[in-house]
Amino acid sequence: MSKWSYAIGFFAISILACAVEQKKPATEGDKAVVSAYVRAWNQHDTAALDTLIAADGVHEDVAQNFRGVGPKAVITFMHGVQSAEPDYKWTVTNEVEDGNLVALEWTWTSTYSGPDPAGKQVTNKHVSGRGTSFAEVDNGKIKRFTDYYDLASFFR
């Protein structure tokens, strides 16, 4: 092969390598950060949340129309959940990690007092349901955490 053939081959491989989307590799402990986040919620540990969420990290709870940015917003949300469901238990049943993304399947059980999805006031009603969450971890902190579930199904 001539020098030009090698040069053209190298150039083609370089362009191809640049065109391939690079997935951010998982940092050691990304799944552990998400597990610690769920554990902090179960233990009502606001100090842990403060260390696990990035300053600009976002937690979204789609069913409750909540979107909080930063630890303080998430802690305020947690306090609201605690007041309505003081004995909640969030149990992860499956988790998958791909790069810096972690997907969870989970169940949630609690005793709820407050308005149900229809607006009727209930007291000490046992609720439970299943859902899914997706988390993005960056430099050992939650960058984005989004919950998806059908809130009405928890009251059936």
Protein backbone atom coordinates (compact mmCIF):
# COMPACT_ATOMS: atom_id res chain seq x y z
CA MET A 1 0.00 0.00 0.00
CA SER A 2 1.13 3.49 -0.69
CA LYS A 3 1.50 6.27 1.85
CA TRP A 4 -1.63 7.87 0.38
CA SER A 5 -3.66 4.73 1.01
CA TYR A 6 -2.59 4.70 4.64
CA ALA A 7 -3.30 8.42 4.98
CA ILE A 8 -6.77 8.09 3.42
CA GLY A 9 -7.54 5.05 5.61
CA PHE A 10 -6.41 6.84 8.74
CA PHE A 11 -8.46 9.92 7.77
CA ALA A 12 -11.58 7.80 7.14
CA ILE A 13 -11.21 5.98 10.47
CA SER A 14 -10.70 9.30 12.27
CA ILE A 15 -13.89 10.75 10.79
CA LEU A 16 -15.83 7.60 11.62
CA ALA A 17 -14.55 7.65 15.21
CA CYS A 18 -15.65 11.28 15.60
CA ALA A 19 -19.09 10.51 14.18
CA VAL A 20 -19.81 7.70 16.66
CA GLU A 21 -21.70 9.02 19.67
CA GLN A 22 -19.71 8.43 22.81
CA LYS A 23 -21.75 7.26 25.78
CA LYS A 24 -20.45 8.70 29.03
CA PRO A 25 -18.91 5.83 30.97
CA ALA A 26 -20.34 4.97 34.37
CA THR A 27 -18.43 6.35 37.28
CA GLU A 28 -17.76 3.82 40.00
CA GLY A 29 -20.74 4.06 42.29
CA ASP A 30 -23.41 5.69 40.07
CA LYS A 31 -25.89 2.94 41.02
CA ALA A 32 -24.75 3.31 44.64
CA VAL A 33 -25.57 7.04 44.53
CA VAL A 34 -29.11 6.26 43.33
CA SER A 35 -29.49 3.55 46.00
CA ALA A 36 -28.35 6.05 48.64
CA TYR A 37 -30.94 8.52 47.33
CA VAL A 38 -33.78 6.00 47.76
CA ARG A 39 -32.41 5.05 51.20
CA ALA A 40 -32.32 8.75 52.21
CA TRP A 41 -35.98 9.09 51.23
CA ASN A 42 -36.92 5.98 53.23
CA GLN A 43 -35.05 7.27 56.28
CA HIS A 44 -36.41 10.83 55.85
CA ASP A 45 -32.74 11.90 55.82
CA THR A 46 -32.70 15.45 54.49
CA ALA A 47 -28.99 15.86 55.32
CA ALA A 48 -28.18 12.96 52.97
CA LEU A 49 -30.35 14.46 50.21
CA ASP A 50 -28.37 17.66 50.56
CA THR A 51 -25.17 15.75 49.72
CA LEU A 52 -26.62 13.51 46.99
CA ILE A 53 -28.32 16.07 44.73
CA ALA A 54 -26.25 18.42 42.57
CA ALA A 55 -26.80 22.13 43.22
CA ASP A 56 -28.62 22.32 39.87
CA GLY A 57 -29.96 18.76 40.07
CA VAL A 58 -33.59 18.24 39.11
CA HIS A 59 -36.11 15.88 40.70
CA GLU A 60 -39.37 15.50 38.83
CA ASP A 61 -42.44 13.62 40.02
CA VAL A 62 -44.59 13.57 36.90
CA ALA A 63 -47.73 12.22 38.62
CA GLN A 64 -47.70 15.00 41.22
CA ASN A 65 -46.69 17.70 38.74
CA PHE A 66 -43.58 18.47 40.81
CA ARG A 67 -40.30 19.73 39.40
CA GLY A 68 -37.71 20.87 41.91
CA VAL A 69 -34.24 22.21 41.22
CA GLY A 70 -31.56 21.75 43.86
CA PRO A 71 -31.54 20.03 47.23
CA LYS A 72 -33.70 22.62 49.04
CA ALA A 73 -36.61 22.18 46.62
CA VAL A 74 -36.43 18.38 46.89
CA ILE A 75 -36.23 18.53 50.70
CA THR A 76 -39.33 20.75 50.75
CA PHE A 77 -41.10 18.21 48.53
CA MET A 78 -40.00 15.40 50.84
CA HIS A 79 -41.48 17.22 53.84
CA GLY A 80 -44.81 17.49 52.02
CA VAL A 81 -44.78 13.76 51.23
CA GLN A 82 -43.89 12.97 54.87
CA SER A 83 -46.78 15.03 56.21
CA ALA A 84 -49.32 13.12 54.08
CA GLU A 85 -47.59 9.71 54.22
CA PRO A 86 -45.44 9.50 57.36
CA ASP A 87 -44.83 5.74 57.07
CA TYR A 88 -44.03 5.51 53.36
CA LYS A 89 -41.76 2.74 52.16
CA TRP A 90 -40.07 2.96 48.75
CA THR A 91 -38.79 -0.47 47.65
CA VAL A 92 -36.67 -0.93 44.54
CA THR A 93 -37.57 -4.20 42.79
CA ASN A 94 -35.26 -3.91 39.79
CA GLU A 95 -32.50 -1.61 38.62
CA VAL A 96 -30.53 -1.27 35.43
CA GLU A 97 -27.44 0.84 34.86
CA ASP A 98 -26.25 2.05 31.47
CA GLY A 99 -23.38 4.51 31.56
CA ASN A 100 -24.31 7.26 33.97
CA LEU A 101 -28.05 6.45 33.72
CA VAL A 102 -29.85 4.27 36.25
CA ALA A 103 -33.40 2.98 35.75
CA LEU A 104 -35.46 1.72 38.68
CA GLU A 105 -38.67 -0.26 38.99
CA TRP A 106 -40.20 0.12 42.43
CA THR A 107 -43.17 -0.21 44.73
CA TRP A 108 -44.45 2.40 47.16
CA THR A 109 -46.63 1.70 50.18
CA SER A 110 -47.92 4.06 52.85
CA THR A 111 -50.77 5.21 55.01
CA TYR A 112 -52.12 8.37 53.40
CA SER A 113 -54.14 11.27 54.81
CA GLY A 114 -55.21 14.10 52.52
CA PRO A 115 -57.16 14.60 49.32
CA ASP A 116 -57.32 11.59 47.01
CA PRO A 117 -57.02 12.07 43.22
CA ALA A 118 -60.76 12.82 43.03
CA GLY A 119 -60.43 15.50 45.72
CA LYS A 120 -62.18 13.52 48.47
CA GLN A 121 -60.51 13.84 51.88
CA VAL A 122 -59.26 10.49 53.22
CA THR A 123 -57.63 9.63 56.53
CA ASN A 124 -55.22 6.78 57.21
CA LYS A 125 -55.93 5.09 53.87
CA HIS A 126 -53.51 2.32 52.92
CA VAL A 127 -52.13 3.08 49.46
CA SER A 128 -49.65 1.20 47.30
CA GLY A 129 -48.50 1.16 43.74
CA ARG A 130 -45.72 0.58 41.29
CA GLY A 131 -43.61 2.97 39.27
CA THR A 132 -40.42 3.63 37.40
CA SER A 133 -37.70 6.21 37.87
CA PHE A 134 -34.80 7.30 35.72
CA ALA A 135 -31.73 8.93 37.22
CA GLU A 136 -28.74 10.62 35.68
CA VAL A 137 -25.65 10.79 37.86
CA ASP A 138 -22.77 13.18 37.22
CA ASN A 139 -19.63 13.35 39.35
CA GLY A 140 -21.24 11.37 42.15
CA LYS A 141 -24.37 13.56 42.39
CA ILE A 142 -27.94 13.22 41.11
CA LYS A 143 -28.20 15.48 38.08
CA ARG A 144 -31.73 14.41 37.14
CA PHE A 145 -34.22 12.07 38.79
CA THR A 146 -37.66 11.54 37.27
CA ASP A 147 -40.52 9.42 38.67
CA TYR A 148 -43.27 7.97 36.45
CA TYR A 149 -46.37 6.26 37.87
CA ASP A 150 -50.16 6.35 37.83
CA LEU A 151 -51.16 8.12 41.05
CA ALA A 152 -54.85 7.13 40.80
CA SER A 153 -53.89 3.42 40.76
CA PHE A 154 -52.40 3.81 44.25
CA PHE A 155 -55.92 4.45 45.64
CA ARG A 156 -57.71 1.47 44.06
